[in-house]
Amino acid sequence: MKGVMLALCSVLLVSLAQLVLRLAMLDFPPLSELLSVQHWKALLLLAMGLGAYALSMLCWMLALRQLPLNRLYPLLSLSYVVVWLAAISLPILGETFRWSSFAGVVLIVFGLMLVSLPRRK
């Protein structure tokens, strides 16, 4: 159970990282202006996103110590669902709903359920 919790923590952190990095890139300056004081918000968001990625990787490595990869790896696909839901739900990101994306998310969830079903003996 500890391995699953660590993997889910990794999924949430990597999802958060994606969303924060998207926010950072919306206002990211050209490289020539990068160190200017007025762009502190974009740089802070970038640092937060990269930090969330690092924490996500740490959780993932700890989860791999607890459970085999073939049980953990399907959980990573949950991040696609979480990021998609958050992206279309948060107006600040400016993402729009598309039926094709919804169909893809449904297929991901269906595939995750198929992979996670217990085996028959």
N, C-alpha and C. Protein backbone atom coordinates (compact mmCIF):
# COMPACT_ATOMS: atom_id res chain seq x y z
N MET A 1 0.82 -1.20 0.00
CA MET A 1 0.00 0.00 0.00
C MET A 1 0.86 1.27 0.00
N LYS A 2 2.00 1.19 0.69
CA LYS A 2 2.90 2.34 0.74
C LYS A 2 3.41 2.70 -0.66
N GLY A 3 3.73 1.68 -1.46
CA GLY A 3 4.21 1.92 -2.82
C GLY A 3 3.17 2.60 -3.69
N VAL A 4 1.92 2.20 -3.54
CA VAL A 4 0.84 2.81 -4.32
C VAL A 4 0.65 4.27 -3.90
N MET A 5 0.72 4.53 -2.61
CA MET A 5 0.58 5.90 -2.12
C MET A 5 1.72 6.80 -2.63
N LEU A 6 2.92 6.26 -2.64
CA LEU A 6 4.05 7.01 -3.18
C LEU A 6 3.88 7.28 -4.67
N ALA A 7 3.39 6.27 -5.40
CA ALA A 7 3.17 6.44 -6.84
C ALA A 7 2.08 7.48 -7.09
N LEU A 8 1.01 7.46 -6.31
CA LEU A 8 -0.05 8.46 -6.48
C LEU A 8 0.46 9.86 -6.12
N CYS A 9 1.32 9.95 -5.13
CA CYS A 9 1.94 11.22 -4.79
C CYS A 9 2.79 11.71 -5.97
N SER A 10 3.50 10.80 -6.60
CA SER A 10 4.29 11.15 -7.77
C SER A 10 3.40 11.64 -8.90
N VAL A 11 2.27 10.98 -9.11
CA VAL A 11 1.33 11.38 -10.16
C VAL A 11 0.80 12.79 -9.89
N LEU A 12 0.43 13.06 -8.66
CA LEU A 12 -0.09 14.40 -8.33
C LEU A 12 0.98 15.47 -8.49
N LEU A 13 2.20 15.15 -8.07
CA LEU A 13 3.28 16.13 -8.20
C LEU A 13 3.65 16.39 -9.65
N VAL A 14 3.69 15.35 -10.47
CA VAL A 14 4.04 15.55 -11.88
C VAL A 14 2.91 16.30 -12.59
N SER A 15 1.67 16.07 -12.18
CA SER A 15 0.55 16.81 -12.75
C SER A 15 0.63 18.28 -12.36
N LEU A 16 0.92 18.53 -11.10
CA LEU A 16 1.11 19.91 -10.63
C LEU A 16 2.25 20.58 -11.39
N ALA A 17 3.33 19.84 -11.59
CA ALA A 17 4.48 20.39 -12.32
C ALA A 17 4.07 20.81 -13.73
N GLN A 18 3.31 19.98 -14.42
CA GLN A 18 2.86 20.31 -15.78
C GLN A 18 2.03 21.58 -15.79
N LEU A 19 1.11 21.69 -14.84
CA LEU A 19 0.23 22.86 -14.80
C LEU A 19 0.99 24.14 -14.45
N VAL A 20 1.90 24.04 -13.50
CA VAL A 20 2.69 25.22 -13.11
C VAL A 20 3.64 25.64 -14.24
N LEU A 21 4.23 24.67 -14.92
CA LEU A 21 5.11 25.00 -16.04
C LEU A 21 4.32 25.66 -17.18
N ARG A 22 3.09 25.21 -17.38
CA ARG A 22 2.24 25.85 -18.40
C ARG A 22 1.99 27.32 -18.03
N LEU A 23 1.69 27.55 -16.76
CA LEU A 23 1.50 28.94 -16.31
C LEU A 23 2.77 29.77 -16.50
N ALA A 24 3.91 29.18 -16.20
CA ALA A 24 5.18 29.89 -16.36
C ALA A 24 5.42 30.24 -17.82
N MET A 25 5.10 29.35 -18.71
CA MET A 25 5.38 29.59 -20.13
C MET A 25 4.43 30.60 -20.75
N LEU A 26 3.27 30.82 -20.13
CA LEU A 26 2.34 31.82 -20.67
C LEU A 26 2.95 33.22 -20.62
N ASP A 27 3.78 33.50 -19.62
CA ASP A 27 4.39 34.82 -19.45
C ASP A 27 5.91 34.78 -19.56
N PHE A 28 6.45 33.71 -20.11
CA PHE A 28 7.90 33.57 -20.12
C PHE A 28 8.53 34.54 -21.12
N PRO A 29 9.56 35.25 -20.68
CA PRO A 29 10.19 36.25 -21.55
C PRO A 29 11.20 35.62 -22.51
N PRO A 30 11.61 36.38 -23.50
CA PRO A 30 12.72 35.93 -24.35
C PRO A 30 13.98 35.77 -23.50
N LEU A 31 14.89 34.94 -23.93
CA LEU A 31 16.11 34.68 -23.16
C LEU A 31 16.91 35.95 -22.87
N SER A 32 16.87 36.91 -23.78
CA SER A 32 17.64 38.15 -23.58
C SER A 32 17.11 38.96 -22.40
N GLU A 33 15.84 38.77 -22.04
CA GLU A 33 15.24 39.51 -20.93
C GLU A 33 15.02 38.64 -19.70
N LEU A 34 15.53 37.44 -19.70
CA LEU A 34 15.21 36.46 -18.68
C LEU A 34 15.54 36.90 -17.26
N LEU A 35 16.67 37.52 -17.06
CA LEU A 35 17.09 37.87 -15.70
C LEU A 35 16.60 39.24 -15.25
N SER A 36 15.73 39.84 -16.03
CA SER A 36 15.17 41.14 -15.66
C SER A 36 14.25 40.99 -14.45
N VAL A 37 14.24 42.00 -13.61
CA VAL A 37 13.47 41.97 -12.36
C VAL A 37 11.97 41.81 -12.63
N GLN A 38 11.48 42.35 -13.73
CA GLN A 38 10.04 42.31 -13.99
C GLN A 38 9.53 40.92 -14.33
N HIS A 39 10.41 39.97 -14.57
CA HIS A 39 9.98 38.61 -14.93
C HIS A 39 10.15 37.63 -13.77
N TRP A 40 10.15 38.11 -12.56
CA TRP A 40 10.35 37.24 -11.39
C TRP A 40 9.23 36.22 -11.25
N LYS A 41 8.01 36.58 -11.62
CA LYS A 41 6.88 35.65 -11.48
C LYS A 41 7.06 34.41 -12.38
N ALA A 42 7.44 34.62 -13.62
CA ALA A 42 7.65 33.51 -14.54
C ALA A 42 8.81 32.62 -14.08
N LEU A 43 9.87 33.25 -13.57
CA LEU A 43 11.01 32.46 -13.08
C LEU A 43 10.65 31.69 -11.82
N LEU A 44 9.86 32.29 -10.95
CA LEU A 44 9.42 31.59 -9.74
C LEU A 44 8.53 30.39 -10.10
N LEU A 45 7.60 30.58 -11.03
CA LEU A 45 6.75 29.47 -11.47
C LEU A 45 7.58 28.36 -12.12
N LEU A 46 8.57 28.75 -12.91
CA LEU A 46 9.46 27.77 -13.52
C LEU A 46 10.18 26.96 -12.45
N ALA A 47 10.72 27.64 -11.45
CA ALA A 47 11.42 26.95 -10.36
C ALA A 47 10.48 26.03 -9.59
N MET A 48 9.26 26.48 -9.35
CA MET A 48 8.28 25.65 -8.64
C MET A 48 7.92 24.41 -9.46
N GLY A 49 7.73 24.58 -10.75
CA GLY A 49 7.41 23.44 -11.61
C GLY A 49 8.53 22.42 -11.65
N LEU A 50 9.75 22.90 -11.76
CA LEU A 50 10.90 21.99 -11.78
C LEU A 50 11.08 21.31 -10.42
N GLY A 51 10.80 22.04 -9.34
CA GLY A 51 10.86 21.45 -8.01
C GLY A 51 9.82 20.36 -7.82
N ALA A 52 8.62 20.59 -8.35
CA ALA A 52 7.57 19.56 -8.27
C ALA A 52 7.98 18.32 -9.06
N TYR A 53 8.64 18.52 -10.21
CA TYR A 53 9.15 17.38 -10.97
C TYR A 53 10.18 16.59 -10.16
N ALA A 54 11.07 17.30 -9.49
CA ALA A 54 12.10 16.63 -8.69
C ALA A 54 11.47 15.83 -7.55
N LEU A 55 10.51 16.42 -6.86
CA LEU A 55 9.82 15.69 -5.78
C LEU A 55 9.04 14.50 -6.32
N SER A 56 8.46 14.68 -7.49
CA SER A 56 7.74 13.58 -8.13
C SER A 56 8.68 12.41 -8.42
N MET A 57 9.86 12.72 -8.91
CA MET A 57 10.84 11.68 -9.22
C MET A 57 11.29 10.97 -7.95
N LEU A 58 11.47 11.70 -6.87
CA LEU A 58 11.84 11.09 -5.60
C LEU A 58 10.75 10.12 -5.12
N CYS A 59 9.50 10.57 -5.18
CA CYS A 59 8.39 9.68 -4.79
C CYS A 59 8.35 8.44 -5.67
N TRP A 60 8.58 8.63 -6.97
CA TRP A 60 8.56 7.50 -7.90
C TRP A 60 9.66 6.49 -7.58
N MET A 61 10.85 6.98 -7.30
CA MET A 61 11.95 6.08 -6.97
C MET A 61 11.66 5.31 -5.68
N LEU A 62 11.08 5.98 -4.69
CA LEU A 62 10.73 5.29 -3.45
C LEU A 62 9.61 4.27 -3.69
N ALA A 63 8.68 4.59 -4.57
CA ALA A 63 7.61 3.64 -4.90
C ALA A 63 8.18 2.40 -5.58
N LEU A 64 9.18 2.60 -6.42
CA LEU A 64 9.80 1.47 -7.12
C LEU A 64 10.51 0.51 -6.17
N ARG A 65 10.87 1.00 -5.00
CA ARG A 65 11.48 0.12 -3.99
C ARG A 65 10.42 -0.78 -3.36
N GLN A 66 9.17 -0.35 -3.41
CA GLN A 66 8.09 -1.06 -2.73
C GLN A 66 7.35 -2.06 -3.62
N LEU A 67 7.16 -1.69 -4.88
CA LEU A 67 6.34 -2.50 -5.78
C LEU A 67 7.03 -2.69 -7.13
N PRO A 68 6.68 -3.75 -7.85
CA PRO A 68 7.28 -3.96 -9.17
C PRO A 68 6.77 -2.92 -10.19
N LEU A 69 7.60 -2.68 -11.16
CA LEU A 69 7.30 -1.67 -12.18
C LEU A 69 6.01 -1.98 -12.93
N ASN A 70 5.74 -3.25 -13.21
CA ASN A 70 4.54 -3.59 -13.98
C ASN A 70 3.25 -3.29 -13.22
N ARG A 71 3.32 -3.14 -11.91
CA ARG A 71 2.14 -2.72 -11.13
C ARG A 71 2.06 -1.22 -10.99
N LEU A 72 3.20 -0.56 -10.95
CA LEU A 72 3.23 0.89 -10.75
C LEU A 72 3.03 1.69 -12.03
N TYR A 73 3.62 1.24 -13.11
CA TYR A 73 3.67 2.05 -14.32
C TYR A 73 2.30 2.47 -14.85
N PRO A 74 1.29 1.61 -14.82
CA PRO A 74 -0.02 2.06 -15.29
C PRO A 74 -0.57 3.26 -14.53
N LEU A 75 -0.17 3.42 -13.28
CA LEU A 75 -0.65 4.56 -12.50
C LEU A 75 -0.18 5.90 -13.08
N LEU A 76 0.94 5.89 -13.79
CA LEU A 76 1.43 7.14 -14.38
C LEU A 76 0.45 7.74 -15.38
N SER A 77 -0.34 6.88 -16.02
CA SER A 77 -1.29 7.40 -17.00
C SER A 77 -2.38 8.24 -16.34
N LEU A 78 -2.53 8.12 -15.03
CA LEU A 78 -3.49 8.97 -14.33
C LEU A 78 -3.12 10.44 -14.44
N SER A 79 -1.84 10.72 -14.61
CA SER A 79 -1.42 12.13 -14.71
C SER A 79 -2.00 12.78 -15.96
N TYR A 80 -2.17 12.02 -17.04
CA TYR A 80 -2.80 12.57 -18.25
C TYR A 80 -4.22 13.03 -17.95
N VAL A 81 -4.93 12.22 -17.19
CA VAL A 81 -6.31 12.53 -16.85
C VAL A 81 -6.37 13.74 -15.93
N VAL A 82 -5.53 13.76 -14.90
CA VAL A 82 -5.52 14.86 -13.94
C VAL A 82 -5.16 16.18 -14.62
N VAL A 83 -4.15 16.16 -15.46
CA VAL A 83 -3.72 17.39 -16.14
C VAL A 83 -4.81 17.87 -17.09
N TRP A 84 -5.42 16.97 -17.83
CA TRP A 84 -6.48 17.35 -18.77
C TRP A 84 -7.67 17.96 -18.02
N LEU A 85 -8.10 17.32 -16.95
CA LEU A 85 -9.22 17.85 -16.18
C LEU A 85 -8.91 19.22 -15.60
N ALA A 86 -7.73 19.37 -15.05
CA ALA A 86 -7.34 20.66 -14.47
C ALA A 86 -7.20 21.73 -15.56
N ALA A 87 -6.64 21.36 -16.68
CA ALA A 87 -6.41 22.33 -17.76
C ALA A 87 -7.71 22.89 -18.31
N ILE A 88 -8.71 22.04 -18.45
CA ILE A 88 -9.98 22.56 -18.98
C ILE A 88 -10.83 23.21 -17.89
N SER A 89 -10.53 22.93 -16.63
CA SER A 89 -11.31 23.47 -15.52
C SER A 89 -10.81 24.82 -15.04
N LEU A 90 -9.52 25.06 -15.16
CA LEU A 90 -8.93 26.31 -14.65
C LEU A 90 -8.90 27.36 -15.75
N PRO A 91 -9.70 28.41 -15.62
CA PRO A 91 -9.77 29.43 -16.68
C PRO A 91 -8.43 30.12 -16.96
N ILE A 92 -7.57 30.20 -15.95
CA ILE A 92 -6.29 30.89 -16.12
C ILE A 92 -5.41 30.23 -17.19
N LEU A 93 -5.62 28.93 -17.42
CA LEU A 93 -4.81 28.21 -18.40
C LEU A 93 -5.32 28.41 -19.83
N GLY A 94 -6.57 28.78 -19.97
CA GLY A 94 -7.11 29.07 -21.30
C GLY A 94 -7.25 27.87 -22.21
N GLU A 95 -7.39 26.69 -21.65
CA GLU A 95 -7.54 25.48 -22.47
C GLU A 95 -9.02 25.26 -22.77
N THR A 96 -9.30 24.73 -23.93
CA THR A 96 -10.70 24.49 -24.32
C THR A 96 -11.00 23.00 -24.34
N PHE A 97 -12.26 22.69 -24.08
CA PHE A 97 -12.73 21.31 -24.13
C PHE A 97 -12.86 20.88 -25.58
N ARG A 98 -12.38 19.67 -25.87
CA ARG A 98 -12.56 19.06 -27.19
C ARG A 98 -13.03 17.64 -27.00
N TRP A 99 -13.97 17.23 -27.79
CA TRP A 99 -14.51 15.88 -27.67
C TRP A 99 -13.46 14.82 -27.97
N SER A 100 -12.54 15.12 -28.87
CA SER A 100 -11.50 14.14 -29.18
C SER A 100 -10.59 13.92 -27.97
N SER A 101 -10.30 14.97 -27.23
CA SER A 101 -9.51 14.83 -26.01
C SER A 101 -10.27 14.04 -24.96
N PHE A 102 -11.55 14.32 -24.85
CA PHE A 102 -12.38 13.58 -23.91
C PHE A 102 -12.37 12.08 -24.24
N ALA A 103 -12.48 11.76 -25.52
CA ALA A 103 -12.44 10.36 -25.94
C ALA A 103 -11.10 9.72 -25.58
N GLY A 104 -10.01 10.46 -25.75
CA GLY A 104 -8.70 9.95 -25.39
C GLY A 104 -8.58 9.69 -23.90
N VAL A 105 -9.13 10.57 -23.09
CA VAL A 105 -9.10 10.39 -21.64
C VAL A 105 -9.93 9.18 -21.23
N VAL A 106 -11.07 9.01 -21.86
CA VAL A 106 -11.91 7.84 -21.58
C VAL A 106 -11.16 6.56 -21.92
N LEU A 107 -10.46 6.55 -23.04
CA LEU A 107 -9.67 5.37 -23.42
C LEU A 107 -8.55 5.10 -22.43
N ILE A 108 -7.92 6.16 -21.94
CA ILE A 108 -6.85 5.99 -20.94
C ILE A 108 -7.42 5.36 -19.68
N VAL A 109 -8.55 5.88 -19.21
CA VAL A 109 -9.16 5.34 -17.99
C VAL A 109 -9.59 3.89 -18.21
N PHE A 110 -10.17 3.59 -19.36
CA PHE A 110 -10.57 2.22 -19.66
C PHE A 110 -9.35 1.30 -19.71
N GLY A 111 -8.29 1.74 -20.35
CA GLY A 111 -7.06 0.94 -20.41
C GLY A 111 -6.46 0.72 -19.04
N LEU A 112 -6.49 1.74 -18.21
CA LEU A 112 -5.98 1.61 -16.84
C LEU A 112 -6.78 0.58 -16.06
N MET A 113 -8.09 0.59 -16.24
CA MET A 113 -8.94 -0.40 -15.56
C MET A 113 -8.61 -1.80 -16.06
N LEU A 114 -8.40 -1.96 -17.36
CA LEU A 114 -8.07 -3.28 -17.89
C LEU A 114 -6.75 -3.81 -17.37
N VAL A 115 -5.76 -2.94 -17.30
CA VAL A 115 -4.44 -3.34 -16.83
C VAL A 115 -4.47 -3.66 -15.33
N SER A 116 -5.33 -2.97 -14.60
CA SER A 116 -5.35 -3.11 -13.15
C SER A 116 -6.23 -4.25 -12.65
N LEU A 117 -7.02 -4.83 -13.53
CA LEU A 117 -7.87 -5.94 -13.09
C LEU A 117 -7.04 -7.10 -12.60
N PRO A 118 -7.49 -7.76 -11.55
CA PRO A 118 -6.74 -8.93 -11.06
C PRO A 118 -6.78 -10.06 -12.10
N ARG A 119 -5.70 -10.82 -12.14
CA ARG A 119 -5.62 -11.96 -13.08
C ARG A 119 -6.43 -13.13 -12.58
N ARG A 120 -6.95 -13.85 -13.53
CA ARG A 120 -7.60 -15.13 -13.17
C ARG A 120 -6.53 -16.19 -13.12
N LYS A 121 -6.73 -17.13 -12.20
CA LYS A 121 -5.74 -18.21 -12.08
C LYS A 121 -6.17 -19.42 -12.86
